[in-house]
């Protein structure tokens, strides 16, 4: 009788060990998934930051070129004679080819 109780107890302990091993495996799987999603989130944030930086630099470049164009446009024609024709064409062309950015969208 005592032997049967001991065997039953060993069987129960063995089942508990299997269950604990399974739980540990599940925990490791969840941790791996969390690491994967966290790294993807960090990559996405990095891409968003880079895109934001590029948009801001494009806006600053557009403002700079438009300021140059306004200065050039406001000068008298007699003053324009001292500018080489190529510089005037470059400024005009760069202002015409800049994308128009309004409210966060590029048109």
PDB file of N, CA and C in Angstrom:
ATOM      1  N   UNK A   1       0.825  -1.192   0.000  1.00  0.00           N
ATOM      2  CA  UNK A   1       0.000   0.000   0.000  1.00  0.00           C
ATOM      3  C   UNK A   1       0.873   1.260   0.000  1.00  0.00           C
ATOM      4  N   UNK A   2       1.873   1.238   0.817  1.00  0.00           N
ATOM      5  CA  UNK A   2       2.781   2.383   0.906  1.00  0.00           C
ATOM      6  C   UNK A   2       3.505   2.605  -0.417  1.00  0.00           C
ATOM      7  N   UNK A   3       3.859   1.538  -1.083  1.00  0.00           N
ATOM      8  CA  UNK A   3       4.544   1.632  -2.368  1.00  0.00           C
ATOM      9  C   UNK A   3       3.643   2.278  -3.425  1.00  0.00           C
ATOM     10  N   UNK A   4       2.376   1.947  -3.410  1.00  0.00           N
ATOM     11  CA  UNK A   4       1.423   2.538  -4.358  1.00  0.00           C
ATOM     12  C   UNK A   4       1.315   4.044  -4.126  1.00  0.00           C
ATOM     13  N   UNK A   5       1.254   4.468  -2.882  1.00  0.00           N
ATOM     14  CA  UNK A   5       1.178   5.899  -2.560  1.00  0.00           C
ATOM     15  C   UNK A   5       2.434   6.640  -3.015  1.00  0.00           C
ATOM     16  N   UNK A   6       3.577   6.021  -2.823  1.00  0.00           N
ATOM     17  CA  UNK A   6       4.837   6.646  -3.238  1.00  0.00           C
ATOM     18  C   UNK A   6       4.887   6.765  -4.761  1.00  0.00           C
ATOM     19  N   UNK A   7       4.477   5.714  -5.467  1.00  0.00           N
ATOM     20  CA  UNK A   7       4.457   5.756  -6.934  1.00  0.00           C
ATOM     21  C   UNK A   7       3.472   6.824  -7.442  1.00  0.00           C
ATOM     22  N   UNK A   8       2.329   6.902  -6.807  1.00  0.00           N
ATOM     23  CA  UNK A   8       1.342   7.918  -7.202  1.00  0.00           C
ATOM     24  C   UNK A   8       1.904   9.326  -6.986  1.00  0.00           C
ATOM     25  N   UNK A   9       2.559   9.504  -5.862  1.00  0.00           N
ATOM     26  CA  UNK A   9       3.160  10.819  -5.565  1.00  0.00           C
ATOM     27  C   UNK A   9       4.260  11.153  -6.576  1.00  0.00           C
ATOM     28  N   UNK A  10       5.078  10.197  -6.949  1.00  0.00           N
ATOM     29  CA  UNK A  10       6.125  10.412  -7.949  1.00  0.00           C
ATOM     30  C   UNK A  10       5.517  10.776  -9.305  1.00  0.00           C
ATOM     31  N   UNK A  11       4.419  10.101  -9.649  1.00  0.00           N
ATOM     32  CA  UNK A  11       3.737  10.404 -10.904  1.00  0.00           C
ATOM     33  C   UNK A  11       3.212  11.842 -10.890  1.00  0.00           C
ATOM     34  N   UNK A  12       2.646  12.260  -9.779  1.00  0.00           N
ATOM     35  CA  UNK A  12       2.131  13.627  -9.643  1.00  0.00           C
ATOM     36  C   UNK A  12       3.260  14.648  -9.749  1.00  0.00           C
ATOM     37  N   UNK A  13       4.367  14.364  -9.098  1.00  0.00           N
ATOM     38  CA  UNK A  13       5.527  15.269  -9.153  1.00  0.00           C
ATOM     39  C   UNK A  13       6.060  15.357 -10.580  1.00  0.00           C
ATOM     40  N   UNK A  14       6.088  14.232 -11.289  1.00  0.00           N
ATOM     41  CA  UNK A  14       6.559  14.216 -12.674  1.00  0.00           C
ATOM     42  C   UNK A  14       5.654  15.089 -13.555  1.00  0.00           C
ATOM     43  N   UNK A  15       4.342  14.995 -13.368  1.00  0.00           N
ATOM     44  CA  UNK A  15       3.403  15.818 -14.135  1.00  0.00           C
ATOM     45  C   UNK A  15       3.597  17.307 -13.827  1.00  0.00           C
ATOM     46  N   UNK A  16       3.809  17.605 -12.556  1.00  0.00           N
ATOM     47  CA  UNK A  16       4.048  19.002 -12.176  1.00  0.00           C
ATOM     48  C   UNK A  16       5.327  19.531 -12.817  1.00  0.00           C
ATOM     49  N   UNK A  17       6.356  18.706 -12.871  1.00  0.00           N
ATOM     50  CA  UNK A  17       7.617  19.118 -13.495  1.00  0.00           C
ATOM     51  C   UNK A  17       7.419  19.386 -14.992  1.00  0.00           C
ATOM     52  N   UNK A  18       6.641  18.529 -15.670  1.00  0.00           N
ATOM     53  CA  UNK A  18       6.356  18.743 -17.086  1.00  0.00           C
ATOM     54  C   UNK A  18       5.613  20.066 -17.284  1.00  0.00           C
ATOM     55  N   UNK A  19       4.647  20.304 -16.405  1.00  0.00           N
ATOM     56  CA  UNK A  19       3.868  21.540 -16.507  1.00  0.00           C
ATOM     57  C   UNK A  19       4.761  22.767 -16.284  1.00  0.00           C
ATOM     58  N   UNK A  20       5.648  22.718 -15.312  1.00  0.00           N
ATOM     59  CA  UNK A  20       6.560  23.832 -15.055  1.00  0.00           C
ATOM     60  C   UNK A  20       7.515  24.045 -16.228  1.00  0.00           C
ATOM     61  N   UNK A  21       7.980  22.947 -16.822  1.00  0.00           N
ATOM     62  CA  UNK A  21       8.859  23.053 -17.982  1.00  0.00           C
ATOM     63  C   UNK A  21       8.116  23.713 -19.146  1.00  0.00           C
ATOM     64  N   UNK A  22       6.853  23.322 -19.356  1.00  0.00           N
ATOM     65  CA  UNK A  22       6.044  23.918 -20.420  1.00  0.00           C
ATOM     66  C   UNK A  22       5.834  25.416 -20.162  1.00  0.00           C
ATOM     67  N   UNK A  23       5.536  25.779 -18.922  1.00  0.00           N
ATOM     68  CA  UNK A  23       5.351  27.197 -18.579  1.00  0.00           C
ATOM     69  C   UNK A  23       6.628  27.998 -18.836  1.00  0.00           C
ATOM     70  N   UNK A  24       7.768  27.416 -18.509  1.00  0.00           N
ATOM     71  CA  UNK A  24       9.041  28.096 -18.735  1.00  0.00           C
ATOM     72  C   UNK A  24       9.275  28.310 -20.230  1.00  0.00           C
ATOM     73  N   UNK A  25       8.956  27.296 -21.044  1.00  0.00           N
ATOM     74  CA  UNK A  25       9.094  27.439 -22.492  1.00  0.00           C
ATOM     75  C   UNK A  25       8.176  28.543 -23.021  1.00  0.00           C
ATOM     76  N   UNK A  26       6.942  28.573 -22.533  1.00  0.00           N
ATOM     77  CA  UNK A  26       5.995  29.603 -22.968  1.00  0.00           C
ATOM     78  C   UNK A  26       6.498  30.999 -22.576  1.00  0.00           C
ATOM     79  N   UNK A  27       7.057  31.109 -21.397  1.00  0.00           N
ATOM     80  CA  UNK A  27       7.597  32.388 -20.934  1.00  0.00           C
ATOM     81  C   UNK A  27       8.738  32.835 -21.845  1.00  0.00           C
ATOM     82  N   UNK A  28       9.618  31.907 -22.221  1.00  0.00           N
ATOM     83  CA  UNK A  28      10.728  32.242 -23.122  1.00  0.00           C
ATOM     84  C   UNK A  28      10.224  32.681 -24.491  1.00  0.00           C
ATOM     85  N   UNK A  29       9.169  32.025 -24.989  1.00  0.00           N
ATOM     86  CA  UNK A  29       8.591  32.408 -26.279  1.00  0.00           C
ATOM     87  C   UNK A  29       8.033  33.825 -26.199  1.00  0.00           C
ATOM     88  N   UNK A  30       7.328  34.131 -25.134  1.00  0.00           N
ATOM     89  CA  UNK A  30       6.746  35.471 -24.961  1.00  0.00           C
ATOM     90  C   UNK A  30       7.845  36.523 -24.858  1.00  0.00           C
ATOM     91  N   UNK A  31       8.913  36.221 -24.143  1.00  0.00           N
ATOM     92  CA  UNK A  31      10.031  37.168 -24.014  1.00  0.00           C
ATOM     93  C   UNK A  31      10.678  37.418 -25.374  1.00  0.00           C
ATOM     94  N   UNK A  32      10.854  36.358 -26.184  1.00  0.00           N
ATOM     95  CA  UNK A  32      11.426  36.532 -27.523  1.00  0.00           C
ATOM     96  C   UNK A  32      10.526  37.401 -28.390  1.00  0.00           C
ATOM     97  N   UNK A  33       9.213  37.182 -28.296  1.00  0.00           N
ATOM     98  CA  UNK A  33       8.277  37.997 -29.072  1.00  0.00           C
ATOM     99  C   UNK A  33       8.341  39.457 -28.641  1.00  0.00           C
ATOM    100  N   UNK A  34       8.443  39.688 -27.343  1.00  0.00           N
ATOM    101  CA  UNK A  34       8.539  41.064 -26.847  1.00  0.00           C
ATOM    102  C   UNK A  34       9.812  41.741 -27.350  1.00  0.00           C
ATOM    103  N   UNK A  35      10.927  41.026 -27.342  1.00  0.00           N
ATOM    104  CA  UNK A  35      12.181  41.588 -27.858  1.00  0.00           C
ATOM    105  C   UNK A  35      12.049  41.924 -29.341  1.00  0.00           C
ATOM    106  N   UNK A  36      11.408  41.029 -30.102  1.00  0.00           N
ATOM    107  CA  UNK A  36      11.227  41.248 -31.539  1.00  0.00           C
ATOM    108  C   UNK A  36      10.375  42.496 -31.785  1.00  0.00           C
ATOM    109  N   UNK A  37       9.238  42.593 -31.084  1.00  0.00           N
ATOM    110  CA  UNK A  37       8.353  43.743 -31.282  1.00  0.00           C
ATOM    111  C   UNK A  37       9.002  45.037 -30.800  1.00  0.00           C
ATOM    112  N   UNK A  38       9.771  44.966 -29.730  1.00  0.00           N
ATOM    113  CA  UNK A  38      10.458  46.156 -29.230  1.00  0.00           C
ATOM    114  C   UNK A  38      11.492  46.644 -30.234  1.00  0.00           C
ATOM    115  N   UNK A  39      12.250  45.730 -30.808  1.00  0.00           N
ATOM    116  CA  UNK A  39      13.256  46.151 -31.786  1.00  0.00           C
ATOM    117  C   UNK A  39      12.587  46.721 -33.036  1.00  0.00           C
ATOM    118  N   UNK A  40      11.464  46.135 -33.462  1.00  0.00           N
ATOM    119  CA  UNK A  40      10.736  46.696 -34.608  1.00  0.00           C
ATOM    120  C   UNK A  40      10.214  48.093 -34.296  1.00  0.00           C
ATOM    121  N   UNK A  41       9.726  48.295 -33.084  1.00  0.00           N
ATOM    122  CA  UNK A  41       9.212  49.599 -32.674  1.00  0.00           C
ATOM    123  C   UNK A  41      10.338  50.635 -32.675  1.00  0.00           C
ATOM    124  N   UNK A  42      11.510  50.238 -32.180  1.00  0.00           N
ATOM    125  CA  UNK A  42      12.656  51.157 -32.159  1.00  0.00           C
ATOM    126  C   UNK A  42      13.079  51.507 -33.584  1.00  0.00           C
ATOM    127  N   UNK A  43      13.095  50.513 -34.486  1.00  0.00           N
ATOM    128  CA  UNK A  43      13.435  50.787 -35.886  1.00  0.00           C
ATOM    129  C   UNK A  43      12.427  51.743 -36.511  1.00  0.00           C
ATOM    130  N   UNK A  44      11.136  51.548 -36.202  1.00  0.00           N
ATOM    131  CA  UNK A  44      10.103  52.412 -36.750  1.00  0.00           C
ATOM    132  C   UNK A  44      10.273  53.841 -36.236  1.00  0.00           C
ATOM    133  N   UNK A  45      10.568  53.991 -34.951  1.00  0.00           N
ATOM    134  CA  UNK A  45      10.790  55.323 -34.393  1.00  0.00           C
ATOM    135  C   UNK A  45      11.995  55.993 -35.039  1.00  0.00           C
ATOM    136  N   UNK A  46      13.039  55.216 -35.288  1.00  0.00           N
ATOM    137  CA  UNK A  46      14.226  55.754 -35.946  1.00  0.00           C
ATOM    138  C   UNK A  46      13.892  56.239 -37.356  1.00  0.00           C
ATOM    139  N   UNK A  47      13.114  55.454 -38.096  1.00  0.00           N
ATOM    140  CA  UNK A  47      12.712  55.867 -39.452  1.00  0.00           C
ATOM    141  C   UNK A  47      11.869  57.138 -39.401  1.00  0.00           C
ATOM    142  N   UNK A  48      10.958  57.221 -38.434  1.00  0.00           N
ATOM    143  CA  UNK A  48      10.118  58.421 -38.299  1.00  0.00           C
ATOM    144  C   UNK A  48      10.976  59.642 -37.983  1.00  0.00           C
ATOM    145  N   UNK A  49      11.963  59.473 -37.106  1.00  0.00           N
ATOM    146  CA  UNK A  49      12.832  60.594 -36.759  1.00  0.00           C
ATOM    147  C   UNK A  49      13.631  61.053 -37.975  1.00  0.00           C
ATOM    148  N   UNK A  50      14.161  60.092 -38.742  1.00  0.00           N
ATOM    149  CA  UNK A  50      14.925  60.447 -39.941  1.00  0.00           C
ATOM    150  C   UNK A  50      14.052  61.150 -40.965  1.00  0.00           C
ATOM    151  N   UNK A  51      12.824  60.664 -41.143  1.00  0.00           N
ATOM    152  CA  UNK A  51      11.911  61.298 -42.098  1.00  0.00           C
ATOM    153  C   UNK A  51      11.571  62.715 -41.642  1.00  0.00           C
ATOM    154  N   UNK A  52      11.345  62.889 -40.353  1.00  0.00           N
ATOM    155  CA  UNK A  52      11.039  64.221 -39.814  1.00  0.00           C
ATOM    156  C   UNK A  52      12.211  65.167 -40.066  1.00  0.00           C
ATOM    157  N   UNK A  53      13.423  64.676 -39.834  1.00  0.00           N
ATOM    158  CA  UNK A  53      14.615  65.493 -40.049  1.00  0.00           C
ATOM    159  C   UNK A  53      14.736  65.889 -41.519  1.00  0.00           C
ATOM    160  N   UNK A  54      14.466  64.946 -42.418  1.00  0.00           N
ATOM    161  CA  UNK A  54      14.555  65.248 -43.847  1.00  0.00           C
ATOM    162  C   UNK A  54      13.504  66.265 -44.268  1.00  0.00           C
ATOM    163  N   UNK A  55      12.288  66.139 -43.722  1.00  0.00           N
ATOM    164  CA  UNK A  55      11.230  67.101 -44.061  1.00  0.00           C
ATOM    165  C   UNK A  55      11.604  68.487 -43.554  1.00  0.00           C
ATOM    166  N   UNK A  56      12.113  68.556 -42.320  1.00  0.00           N
ATOM    167  CA  UNK A  56      12.496  69.861 -41.774  1.00  0.00           C
ATOM    168  C   UNK A  56      13.635  70.485 -42.568  1.00  0.00           C
ATOM    169  N   UNK A  57      14.605  69.676 -42.971  1.00  0.00           N
ATOM    170  CA  UNK A  57      15.707  70.242 -43.751  1.00  0.00           C
ATOM    171  C   UNK A  57      15.219  70.685 -45.129  1.00  0.00           C
ATOM    172  N   UNK A  58      14.259  69.972 -45.702  1.00  0.00           N
ATOM    173  CA  UNK A  58      13.691  70.377 -46.994  1.00  0.00           C
ATOM    174  C   UNK A  58      12.941  71.696 -46.843  1.00  0.00           C
ATOM    175  N   UNK A  59      12.187  71.841 -45.753  1.00  0.00           N
ATOM    176  CA  UNK A  59      11.459  73.093 -45.514  1.00  0.00           C
ATOM    177  C   UNK A  59      12.440  74.243 -45.328  1.00  0.00           C
ATOM    178  N   UNK A  60      13.500  74.018 -44.549  1.00  0.00           N
ATOM    179  CA  UNK A  60      14.502  75.070 -44.351  1.00  0.00           C
ATOM    180  C   UNK A  60      15.177  75.448 -45.661  1.00  0.00           C
ATOM    181  N   UNK A  61      15.481  74.456 -46.496  1.00  0.00           N
ATOM    182  CA  UNK A  61      16.100  74.723 -47.791  1.00  0.00           C
ATOM    183  C   UNK A  61      15.147  75.519 -48.672  1.00  0.00           C
ATOM    184  N   UNK A  62      13.866  75.152 -48.630  1.00  0.00           N
ATOM    185  CA  UNK A  62      12.875  75.870 -49.433  1.00  0.00           C
ATOM    186  C   UNK A  62      12.772  77.327 -48.963  1.00  0.00           C
ATOM    187  N   UNK A  63      12.748  77.540 -47.655  1.00  0.00           N
ATOM    188  CA  UNK A  63      12.686  78.913 -47.135  1.00  0.00           C
ATOM    189  C   UNK A  63      13.920  79.707 -47.557  1.00  0.00           C
ATOM    190  N   UNK A  64      15.085  79.066 -47.493  1.00  0.00           N
ATOM    191  CA  UNK A  64      16.327  79.737 -47.873  1.00  0.00           C
ATOM    192  C   UNK A  64      16.291  80.139 -49.345  1.00  0.00           C
ATOM    193  N   UNK A  65      15.895  79.223 -50.210  1.00  0.00           N
ATOM    194  CA  UNK A  65      15.861  79.519 -51.639  1.00  0.00           C
ATOM    195  C   UNK A  65      14.808  80.579 -51.958  1.00  0.00           C
ATOM    196  N   UNK A  66      13.658  80.513 -51.283  1.00  0.00           N
ATOM    197  CA  UNK A  66      12.629  81.525 -51.527  1.00  0.00           C
ATOM    198  C   UNK A  66      13.087  82.898 -51.048  1.00  0.00           C
ATOM    199  N   UNK A  67      13.841  82.937 -49.947  1.00  0.00           N
ATOM    200  CA  UNK A  67      14.390  84.210 -49.480  1.00  0.00           C
ATOM    201  C   UNK A  67      15.367  84.763 -50.509  1.00  0.00           C
ATOM    202  N   UNK A  68      16.218  83.883 -51.049  1.00  0.00           N
ATOM    203  CA  UNK A  68      17.143  84.322 -52.106  1.00  0.00           C
ATOM    204  C   UNK A  68      16.374  84.865 -53.300  1.00  0.00           C
ATOM    205  N   UNK A  69      15.312  84.155 -53.670  1.00  0.00           N
ATOM    206  CA  UNK A  69      14.526  84.570 -54.829  1.00  0.00           C
ATOM    207  C   UNK A  69      13.846  85.914 -54.565  1.00  0.00           C
ATOM    208  N   UNK A  70      13.306  86.087 -53.350  1.00  0.00           N
ATOM    209  CA  UNK A  70      12.641  87.362 -53.029  1.00  0.00           C
ATOM    210  C   UNK A  70      13.636  88.514 -53.046  1.00  0.00           C
ATOM    211  N   UNK A  71      14.845  88.260 -52.533  1.00  0.00           N
ATOM    212  CA  UNK A  71      15.876  89.303 -52.585  1.00  0.00           C
ATOM    213  C   UNK A  71      16.204  89.643 -54.033  1.00  0.00           C
ATOM    214  N   UNK A  72      16.339  88.612 -54.833  1.00  0.00           N
ATOM    215  CA  UNK A  72      16.661  88.817 -56.236  1.00  0.00           C
ATOM    216  C   UNK A  72      15.513  89.524 -56.958  1.00  0.00           C
ATOM    217  N   UNK A  73      14.285  89.141 -56.628  1.00  0.00           N
ATOM    218  CA  UNK A  73      13.112  89.715 -57.279  1.00  0.00           C
ATOM    219  C   UNK A  73      12.916  91.181 -56.889  1.00  0.00           C
ATOM    220  N   UNK A  74      13.309  91.524 -55.656  1.00  0.00           N
ATOM    221  CA  UNK A  74      13.094  92.896 -55.186  1.00  0.00           C
ATOM    222  C   UNK A  74      14.188  93.862 -55.653  1.00  0.00           C
ATOM    223  N   UNK A  75      15.267  93.339 -56.191  1.00  0.00           N
ATOM    224  CA  UNK A  75      16.335  94.236 -56.648  1.00  0.00           C
ATOM    225  C   UNK A  75      15.947  94.889 -57.968  1.00  0.00           C
ATOM    226  N   UNK A  76      16.544  96.002 -58.224  1.00  0.00           N
ATOM    227  CA  UNK A  76      16.262  96.721 -59.472  1.00  0.00           C
ATOM    228  C   UNK A  76      17.000  96.041 -60.615  1.00  0.00           C
ATOM    229  N   UNK A  77      16.487  96.239 -61.808  1.00  0.00           N
ATOM    230  CA  UNK A  77      17.090  95.584 -62.968  1.00  0.00           C
ATOM    231  C   UNK A  77      18.521  96.053 -63.201  1.00  0.00           C
ATOM    232  N   UNK A  78      18.822  97.263 -62.841  1.00  0.00           N
ATOM    233  CA  UNK A  78      20.194  97.739 -63.027  1.00  0.00           C
ATOM    234  C   UNK A  78      21.162  97.005 -62.097  1.00  0.00           C
ATOM    235  N   UNK A  79      20.669  96.639 -60.912  1.00  0.00           N
ATOM    236  CA  UNK A  79      21.518  95.889 -59.984  1.00  0.00           C
ATOM    237  C   UNK A  79      21.698  94.444 -60.442  1.00  0.00           C
ATOM    238  N   UNK A  80      20.733  93.926 -61.175  1.00  0.00           N
ATOM    239  CA  UNK A  80      20.834  92.545 -61.644  1.00  0.00           C
ATOM    240  C   UNK A  80      21.931  92.362 -62.678  1.00  0.00           C
ATOM    241  N   UNK A  81      22.340  93.443 -63.299  1.00  0.00           N
ATOM    242  CA  UNK A  81      23.383  93.346 -64.316  1.00  0.00           C
ATOM    243  C   UNK A  81      24.705  92.846 -63.741  1.00  0.00           C
ATOM    244  N   UNK A  82      24.903  93.062 -62.443  1.00  0.00           N
ATOM    245  CA  UNK A  82      26.173  92.610 -61.867  1.00  0.00           C
ATOM    246  C   UNK A  82      26.148  91.118 -61.517  1.00  0.00           C
ATOM    247  N   UNK A  83      24.952  90.499 -61.514  1.00  0.00           N
ATOM    248  CA  UNK A  83      24.865  89.056 -61.276  1.00  0.00           C
ATOM    249  C   UNK A  83      25.147  88.320 -62.574  1.00  0.00           C
ATOM    250  N   UNK A  84      25.927  87.282 -62.515  1.00  0.00           N
ATOM    251  CA  UNK A  84      26.074  86.467 -63.718  1.00  0.00           C
ATOM    252  C   UNK A  84      24.732  85.804 -64.055  1.00  0.00           C
ATOM    253  N   UNK A  85      24.476  85.655 -65.315  1.00  0.00           N
ATOM    254  CA  UNK A  85      23.198  85.109 -65.760  1.00  0.00           C
ATOM    255  C   UNK A  85      22.981  83.691 -65.228  1.00  0.00           C
ATOM    256  N   UNK A  86      24.045  82.917 -65.097  1.00  0.00           N
ATOM    257  CA  UNK A  86      23.940  81.530 -64.635  1.00  0.00           C
ATOM    258  C   UNK A  86      23.426  81.469 -63.193  1.00  0.00           C
ATOM    259  N   UNK A  87      23.885  82.378 -62.321  1.00  0.00           N
ATOM    260  CA  UNK A  87      23.432  82.400 -60.925  1.00  0.00           C
ATOM    261  C   UNK A  87      21.940  82.685 -60.877  1.00  0.00           C
ATOM    262  N   UNK A  88      21.492  83.641 -61.666  1.00  0.00           N
ATOM    263  CA  UNK A  88      20.069  83.984 -61.685  1.00  0.00           C
ATOM    264  C   UNK A  88      19.254  82.785 -62.163  1.00  0.00           C
ATOM    265  N   UNK A  89      19.727  82.117 -63.187  1.00  0.00           N
ATOM    266  CA  UNK A  89      19.005  80.947 -63.689  1.00  0.00           C
ATOM    267  C   UNK A  89      18.972  79.830 -62.648  1.00  0.00           C
ATOM    268  N   UNK A  90      20.063  79.618 -61.927  1.00  0.00           N
ATOM    269  CA  UNK A  90      20.097  78.574 -60.897  1.00  0.00           C
ATOM    270  C   UNK A  90      19.110  78.863 -59.781  1.00  0.00           C
ATOM    271  N   UNK A  91      19.076  80.114 -59.333  1.00  0.00           N
ATOM    272  CA  UNK A  91      18.144  80.473 -58.260  1.00  0.00           C
ATOM    273  C   UNK A  91      16.711  80.301 -58.749  1.00  0.00           C
ATOM    274  N   UNK A  92      16.423  80.777 -59.923  1.00  0.00           N
ATOM    275  CA  UNK A  92      15.073  80.675 -60.471  1.00  0.00           C
ATOM    276  C   UNK A  92      14.672  79.207 -60.638  1.00  0.00           C
ATOM    277  N   UNK A  93      15.569  78.392 -61.191  1.00  0.00           N
ATOM    278  CA  UNK A  93      15.262  76.987 -61.417  1.00  0.00           C
ATOM    279  C   UNK A  93      15.054  76.252 -60.095  1.00  0.00           C
ATOM    280  N   UNK A  94      15.905  76.525 -59.095  1.00  0.00           N
ATOM    281  CA  UNK A  94      15.763  75.815 -57.819  1.00  0.00           C
ATOM    282  C   UNK A  94      14.476  76.203 -57.112  1.00  0.00           C
ATOM    283  N   UNK A  95      14.023  77.440 -57.274  1.00  0.00           N
ATOM    284  CA  UNK A  95      12.756  77.842 -56.658  1.00  0.00           C
ATOM    285  C   UNK A  95      11.575  77.196 -57.383  1.00  0.00           C
ATOM    286  N   UNK A  96      11.696  76.982 -58.668  1.00  0.00           N
ATOM    287  CA  UNK A  96      10.599  76.378 -59.424  1.00  0.00           C
ATOM    288  C   UNK A  96      10.496  74.872 -59.186  1.00  0.00           C
ATOM    289  N   UNK A  97      11.620  74.218 -58.910  1.00  0.00           N
ATOM    290  CA  UNK A  97      11.603  72.760 -58.776  1.00  0.00           C
ATOM    291  C   UNK A  97      11.416  72.297 -57.345  1.00  0.00           C
ATOM    292  N   UNK A  98      11.365  73.203 -56.382  1.00  0.00           N
ATOM    293  CA  UNK A  98      11.169  72.787 -54.999  1.00  0.00           C
ATOM    294  C   UNK A  98       9.751  72.269 -54.820  1.00  0.00           C
ATOM    295  N   UNK A  99       9.582  71.183 -54.055  1.00  0.00           N
ATOM    296  CA  UNK A  99       8.222  70.717 -53.800  1.00  0.00           C
ATOM    297  C   UNK A  99       7.510  71.707 -52.885  1.00  0.00           C
ATOM    298  N   UNK A 100       6.242  71.924 -53.141  1.00  0.00           N
ATOM    299  CA  UNK A 100       5.466  72.822 -52.299  1.00  0.00           C
ATOM    300  C   UNK A 100       4.984  72.022 -51.102  1.00  0.00           C
ATOM    301  N   UNK A 101       5.347  72.441 -49.904  1.00  0.00           N
ATOM    302  CA  UNK A 101       4.975  71.716 -48.698  1.00  0.00           C
ATOM    303  C   UNK A 101       3.959  72.554 -47.941  1.00  0.00           C
ATOM    304  N   UNK A 102       2.760  71.985 -47.773  1.00  0.00           N
ATOM    305  CA  UNK A 102       1.721  72.679 -47.018  1.00  0.00           C
ATOM    306  C   UNK A 102       1.101  71.702 -46.043  1.00  0.00           C
ATOM    307  N   UNK A 103       1.017  72.090 -44.814  1.00  0.00           N
ATOM    308  CA  UNK A 103       0.389  71.317 -43.750  1.00  0.00           C
ATOM    309  C   UNK A 103       0.889  69.878 -43.706  1.00  0.00           C
ATOM    310  N   UNK A 104       2.190  69.690 -43.823  1.00  0.00           N
ATOM    311  CA  UNK A 104       2.784  68.369 -43.672  1.00  0.00           C
ATOM    312  C   UNK A 104       2.673  67.486 -44.898  1.00  0.00           C
ATOM    313  N   UNK A 105       2.103  67.997 -45.998  1.00  0.00           N
ATOM    314  CA  UNK A 105       1.983  67.185 -47.204  1.00  0.00           C
ATOM    315  C   UNK A 105       2.819  67.792 -48.309  1.00  0.00           C
ATOM    316  N   UNK A 106       3.391  66.942 -49.136  1.00  0.00           N
ATOM    317  CA  UNK A 106       4.143  67.420 -50.296  1.00  0.00           C
ATOM    318  C   UNK A 106       3.225  67.369 -51.504  1.00  0.00           C
ATOM    319  N   UNK A 107       3.113  68.481 -52.174  1.00  0.00           N
ATOM    320  CA  UNK A 107       2.234  68.542 -53.355  1.00  0.00           C
ATOM    321  C   UNK A 107       3.088  68.487 -54.602  1.00  0.00           C
TER     322      UNK A 107
END
